[in-house]
Amino acid sequence: MKQRIAAAMLITLIPLSLAACGGEKANSSSTTPSSESSSTATQNTAPAGNQSKEDACKEIEKAMADASETVTSATSEMSIDPASIKNAFDSIADAYATASEKISNEDIKKSVDQVTADWRNAGEKAAAISTTNGSGLNEYTQAVNDVSTHQNELFATCGLMSTSN
């Protein structure tokens, strides 16, 4: 029963990892420029670590788009092979790590590195659940909450779609 709960949580969590793939910006539906959007544009181009926030966030989008096929494949195998859950989470973490290597903006890099660590931790906790007949569900749930919180913060910083909307 606990494994079914964990699987259900995983299925609802995977779209979080793919939200960045669409490349839609939070303010993209606005057709009239406002002082807020021009202020945001100024913030996006201000360099930190010799890279603008906008350019750093584009690296995240590219890496997530590259990982989407692997994640989709692993997601479809979750019910057959519990190890694929960890593989899916590792693929997401690897995508973030790849993006991090190309990011010099200190604020974005720090956030990306935190999300990478969260995905790896969630993968470890998911693997533990699948090998221990469901024990460790509370730790796994906390790891999933950490992923959700930090990833949504990153998406908000980058102006990417969030699944909480």
C-alpha atoms as a PDB file:
ATOM      1  CA  MET A   1       0.000   0.000   0.000  1.00  0.00           C
ATOM      2  CA  LYS A   2       2.791   2.414   0.885  1.00  0.00           C
ATOM      3  CA  GLN A   3       4.452   1.738  -2.464  1.00  0.00           C
ATOM      4  CA  ARG A   4       1.249   2.721  -4.237  1.00  0.00           C
ATOM      5  CA  ILE A   5       1.154   5.956  -2.275  1.00  0.00           C
ATOM      6  CA  ALA A   6       4.769   6.625  -3.192  1.00  0.00           C
ATOM      7  CA  ALA A   7       4.085   5.844  -6.852  1.00  0.00           C
ATOM      8  CA  ALA A   8       1.107   8.200  -6.870  1.00  0.00           C
ATOM      9  CA  MET A   9       3.254  10.945  -5.377  1.00  0.00           C
ATOM     10  CA  LEU A  10       5.923  10.339  -8.004  1.00  0.00           C
ATOM     11  CA  ILE A  11       3.451  10.579 -10.838  1.00  0.00           C
ATOM     12  CA  THR A  12       2.236  13.932  -9.553  1.00  0.00           C
ATOM     13  CA  LEU A  13       5.803  15.144  -9.011  1.00  0.00           C
ATOM     14  CA  ILE A  14       7.261  14.429 -12.460  1.00  0.00           C
ATOM     15  CA  PRO A  15       5.436  17.344 -14.129  1.00  0.00           C
ATOM     16  CA  LEU A  16       7.381  19.646 -11.807  1.00  0.00           C
ATOM     17  CA  SER A  17      10.552  18.589 -13.545  1.00  0.00           C
ATOM     18  CA  LEU A  18       9.076  19.192 -16.952  1.00  0.00           C
ATOM     19  CA  ALA A  19       7.503  22.575 -16.251  1.00  0.00           C
ATOM     20  CA  ALA A  20      10.621  24.361 -17.427  1.00  0.00           C
ATOM     21  CA  CYS A  21      10.552  22.553 -20.761  1.00  0.00           C
ATOM     22  CA  GLY A  22       7.739  24.605 -22.211  1.00  0.00           C
ATOM     23  CA  GLY A  23       9.839  27.715 -22.011  1.00  0.00           C
ATOM     24  CA  GLU A  24       6.781  29.818 -21.237  1.00  0.00           C
ATOM     25  CA  LYS A  25       7.470  32.850 -19.134  1.00  0.00           C
ATOM     26  CA  ALA A  26       5.079  33.840 -16.389  1.00  0.00           C
ATOM     27  CA  ASN A  27       4.455  37.258 -17.961  1.00  0.00           C
ATOM     28  CA  SER A  28       4.290  36.064 -21.580  1.00  0.00           C
ATOM     29  CA  SER A  29       0.518  36.544 -21.843  1.00  0.00           C
ATOM     30  CA  SER A  30       0.789  40.277 -21.216  1.00  0.00           C
ATOM     31  CA  THR A  31       0.434  42.293 -24.413  1.00  0.00           C
ATOM     32  CA  THR A  32       0.817  45.763 -22.929  1.00  0.00           C
ATOM     33  CA  PRO A  33       4.124  46.753 -21.416  1.00  0.00           C
ATOM     34  CA  SER A  34       3.968  47.848 -17.830  1.00  0.00           C
ATOM     35  CA  SER A  35       6.454  49.425 -15.500  1.00  0.00           C
ATOM     36  CA  GLU A  36       6.683  46.082 -13.716  1.00  0.00           C
ATOM     37  CA  SER A  37       7.719  44.196 -16.853  1.00  0.00           C
ATOM     38  CA  SER A  38      10.282  46.826 -17.836  1.00  0.00           C
ATOM     39  CA  SER A  39      11.656  46.679 -14.296  1.00  0.00           C
ATOM     40  CA  THR A  40      11.835  42.891 -14.599  1.00  0.00           C
ATOM     41  CA  ALA A  41      13.675  43.176 -17.906  1.00  0.00           C
ATOM     42  CA  THR A  42      16.254  45.414 -16.265  1.00  0.00           C
ATOM     43  CA  GLN A  43      16.715  42.901 -13.450  1.00  0.00           C
ATOM     44  CA  ASN A  44      17.052  40.010 -15.885  1.00  0.00           C
ATOM     45  CA  THR A  45      19.949  41.622 -17.714  1.00  0.00           C
ATOM     46  CA  ALA A  46      21.892  42.777 -14.656  1.00  0.00           C
ATOM     47  CA  PRO A  47      25.050  40.691 -14.549  1.00  0.00           C
ATOM     48  CA  ALA A  48      25.961  38.582 -11.532  1.00  0.00           C
ATOM     49  CA  GLY A  49      29.000  36.413 -12.017  1.00  0.00           C
ATOM     50  CA  ASN A  50      29.286  37.803 -15.588  1.00  0.00           C
ATOM     51  CA  GLN A  51      25.980  36.224 -16.646  1.00  0.00           C
ATOM     52  CA  SER A  52      22.506  37.723 -16.664  1.00  0.00           C
ATOM     53  CA  LYS A  53      19.705  36.032 -14.794  1.00  0.00           C
ATOM     54  CA  GLU A  54      17.877  35.594 -18.093  1.00  0.00           C
ATOM     55  CA  ASP A  55      20.838  33.796 -19.714  1.00  0.00           C
ATOM     56  CA  ALA A  56      21.305  31.590 -16.656  1.00  0.00           C
ATOM     57  CA  CYS A  57      17.630  30.636 -16.700  1.00  0.00           C
ATOM     58  CA  LYS A  58      17.858  29.775 -20.409  1.00  0.00           C
ATOM     59  CA  GLU A  59      20.501  27.183 -19.502  1.00  0.00           C
ATOM     60  CA  ILE A  60      18.008  25.582 -17.120  1.00  0.00           C
ATOM     61  CA  GLU A  61      15.360  25.448 -19.846  1.00  0.00           C
ATOM     62  CA  LYS A  62      17.777  23.865 -22.325  1.00  0.00           C
ATOM     63  CA  ALA A  63      18.958  21.213 -19.883  1.00  0.00           C
ATOM     64  CA  MET A  64      15.413  20.298 -18.849  1.00  0.00           C
ATOM     65  CA  ALA A  65      14.305  20.036 -22.474  1.00  0.00           C
ATOM     66  CA  ASP A  66      17.245  17.708 -23.162  1.00  0.00           C
ATOM     67  CA  ALA A  67      16.292  15.533 -20.177  1.00  0.00           C
ATOM     68  CA  SER A  68      12.563  15.384 -20.919  1.00  0.00           C
ATOM     69  CA  GLU A  69      12.736  12.294 -23.158  1.00  0.00           C
ATOM     70  CA  THR A  70      14.714  10.311 -20.590  1.00  0.00           C
ATOM     71  CA  VAL A  71      12.369  11.380 -17.801  1.00  0.00           C
ATOM     72  CA  THR A  72       9.291  10.516 -19.840  1.00  0.00           C
ATOM     73  CA  SER A  73      10.676   7.061 -20.600  1.00  0.00           C
ATOM     74  CA  ALA A  74      11.596   6.408 -16.975  1.00  0.00           C
ATOM     75  CA  THR A  75       8.193   7.634 -15.814  1.00  0.00           C
ATOM     76  CA  SER A  76       6.418   5.128 -18.032  1.00  0.00           C
ATOM     77  CA  GLU A  77       8.485   2.312 -16.511  1.00  0.00           C
ATOM     78  CA  MET A  78       7.841   3.272 -12.863  1.00  0.00           C
ATOM     79  CA  SER A  79       5.066   0.780 -12.270  1.00  0.00           C
ATOM     80  CA  ILE A  80       7.104  -2.055 -13.793  1.00  0.00           C
ATOM     81  CA  ASP A  81      10.537  -1.301 -12.364  1.00  0.00           C
ATOM     82  CA  PRO A  82      10.825   0.619  -9.078  1.00  0.00           C
ATOM     83  CA  ALA A  83      14.498   1.345  -9.842  1.00  0.00           C
ATOM     84  CA  SER A  84      13.335   3.519 -12.729  1.00  0.00           C
ATOM     85  CA  ILE A  85      11.985   6.012 -10.178  1.00  0.00           C
ATOM     86  CA  LYS A  86      15.510   6.682  -8.970  1.00  0.00           C
ATOM     87  CA  ASN A  87      16.720   6.737 -12.579  1.00  0.00           C
ATOM     88  CA  ALA A  88      14.119   9.373 -13.452  1.00  0.00           C
ATOM     89  CA  PHE A  89      15.089  11.515 -10.478  1.00  0.00           C
ATOM     90  CA  ASP A  90      18.787  11.079 -11.285  1.00  0.00           C
ATOM     91  CA  SER A  91      18.106  12.167 -14.882  1.00  0.00           C
ATOM     92  CA  ILE A  92      16.470  15.325 -13.613  1.00  0.00           C
ATOM     93  CA  ALA A  93      19.355  15.953 -11.202  1.00  0.00           C
ATOM     94  CA  ASP A  94      21.844  15.350 -14.019  1.00  0.00           C
ATOM     95  CA  ALA A  95      20.009  17.877 -16.201  1.00  0.00           C
ATOM     96  CA  TYR A  96      20.209  20.482 -13.468  1.00  0.00           C
ATOM     97  CA  ALA A  97      23.898  19.652 -12.880  1.00  0.00           C
ATOM     98  CA  THR A  98      24.575  20.113 -16.601  1.00  0.00           C
ATOM     99  CA  ALA A  99      22.863  23.500 -16.489  1.00  0.00           C
ATOM    100  CA  SER A 100      24.791  24.453 -13.364  1.00  0.00           C
ATOM    101  CA  GLU A 101      28.099  23.852 -15.139  1.00  0.00           C
ATOM    102  CA  LYS A 102      27.116  26.527 -17.674  1.00  0.00           C
ATOM    103  CA  ILE A 103      25.801  29.046 -15.156  1.00  0.00           C
ATOM    104  CA  SER A 104      28.040  31.750 -13.739  1.00  0.00           C
ATOM    105  CA  ASN A 105      25.264  33.860 -12.191  1.00  0.00           C
ATOM    106  CA  GLU A 106      25.906  33.169  -8.501  1.00  0.00           C
ATOM    107  CA  ASP A 107      22.285  33.494  -7.322  1.00  0.00           C
ATOM    108  CA  ILE A 108      20.855  31.195  -9.977  1.00  0.00           C
ATOM    109  CA  LYS A 109      23.735  28.711  -9.685  1.00  0.00           C
ATOM    110  CA  LYS A 110      23.218  28.403  -5.929  1.00  0.00           C
ATOM    111  CA  SER A 111      19.519  27.727  -6.451  1.00  0.00           C
ATOM    112  CA  VAL A 112      20.164  25.212  -9.252  1.00  0.00           C
ATOM    113  CA  ASP A 113      22.720  23.370  -7.119  1.00  0.00           C
ATOM    114  CA  GLN A 114      20.190  23.134  -4.271  1.00  0.00           C
ATOM    115  CA  VAL A 115      17.518  21.724  -6.595  1.00  0.00           C
ATOM    116  CA  THR A 116      20.065  19.243  -7.993  1.00  0.00           C
ATOM    117  CA  ALA A 117      20.869  18.018  -4.478  1.00  0.00           C
ATOM    118  CA  ASP A 118      17.151  17.796  -3.649  1.00  0.00           C
ATOM    119  CA  TRP A 119      16.428  15.621  -6.706  1.00  0.00           C
ATOM    120  CA  ARG A 120      19.337  13.296  -5.846  1.00  0.00           C
ATOM    121  CA  ASN A 121      18.118  13.025  -2.253  1.00  0.00           C
ATOM    122  CA  ALA A 122      14.556  12.282  -3.407  1.00  0.00           C
ATOM    123  CA  GLY A 123      15.940   9.577  -5.711  1.00  0.00           C
ATOM    124  CA  GLU A 124      17.824   7.981  -2.836  1.00  0.00           C
ATOM    125  CA  LYS A 125      14.731   8.078  -0.616  1.00  0.00           C
ATOM    126  CA  ALA A 126      12.579   6.592  -3.412  1.00  0.00           C
ATOM    127  CA  ALA A 127      15.100   3.779  -3.907  1.00  0.00           C
ATOM    128  CA  ALA A 128      15.070   3.091  -0.166  1.00  0.00           C
ATOM    129  CA  ILE A 129      11.281   2.805  -0.172  1.00  0.00           C
ATOM    130  CA  SER A 130      11.308   0.354  -3.068  1.00  0.00           C
ATOM    131  CA  THR A 131      13.852  -1.901  -1.342  1.00  0.00           C
ATOM    132  CA  THR A 132      12.465  -1.742   2.206  1.00  0.00           C
ATOM    133  CA  ASN A 133       8.807  -2.486   1.526  1.00  0.00           C
ATOM    134  CA  GLY A 134       7.631   1.047   2.148  1.00  0.00           C
ATOM    135  CA  SER A 135       9.559   2.056   5.247  1.00  0.00           C
ATOM    136  CA  GLY A 136      11.037   5.515   5.001  1.00  0.00           C
ATOM    137  CA  LEU A 137       7.912   7.042   3.490  1.00  0.00           C
ATOM    138  CA  ASN A 138       8.119  10.066   5.805  1.00  0.00           C
ATOM    139  CA  GLU A 139      11.703  10.775   4.738  1.00  0.00           C
ATOM    140  CA  TYR A 140      10.731  10.389   1.109  1.00  0.00           C
ATOM    141  CA  THR A 141       7.774  12.731   1.564  1.00  0.00           C
ATOM    142  CA  GLN A 142      10.060  15.353   3.118  1.00  0.00           C
ATOM    143  CA  ALA A 143      12.529  14.964   0.228  1.00  0.00           C
ATOM    144  CA  VAL A 144       9.697  15.481  -2.271  1.00  0.00           C
ATOM    145  CA  ASN A 145       8.547  18.568  -0.376  1.00  0.00           C
ATOM    146  CA  ASP A 146      12.106  19.948  -0.495  1.00  0.00           C
ATOM    147  CA  VAL A 147      12.241  19.398  -4.260  1.00  0.00           C
ATOM    148  CA  SER A 148       8.894  21.084  -4.737  1.00  0.00           C
ATOM    149  CA  THR A 149       9.731  24.074  -2.561  1.00  0.00           C
ATOM    150  CA  HIS A 150      13.184  24.771  -3.979  1.00  0.00           C
ATOM    151  CA  GLN A 151      12.252  24.066  -7.572  1.00  0.00           C
ATOM    152  CA  ASN A 152       9.211  26.356  -7.394  1.00  0.00           C
ATOM    153  CA  GLU A 153      11.436  29.070  -5.914  1.00  0.00           C
ATOM    154  CA  LEU A 154      13.855  28.633  -8.818  1.00  0.00           C
ATOM    155  CA  PHE A 155      11.035  28.724 -11.353  1.00  0.00           C
ATOM    156  CA  ALA A 156       9.654  31.886  -9.737  1.00  0.00           C
ATOM    157  CA  THR A 157      13.091  33.518  -9.835  1.00  0.00           C
ATOM    158  CA  CYS A 158      13.446  32.648 -13.515  1.00  0.00           C
ATOM    159  CA  GLY A 159       9.868  33.539 -14.419  1.00  0.00           C
ATOM    160  CA  LEU A 160       9.149  29.982 -15.555  1.00  0.00           C
ATOM    161  CA  MET A 161       5.763  28.339 -15.233  1.00  0.00           C
ATOM    162  CA  SER A 162       5.132  26.756 -11.900  1.00  0.00           C
ATOM    163  CA  THR A 163       2.856  23.798 -11.279  1.00  0.00           C
ATOM    164  CA  SER A 164       1.357  25.527  -8.257  1.00  0.00           C
ATOM    165  CA  ASN A 165      -0.680  27.853 -10.506  1.00  0.00           C
END
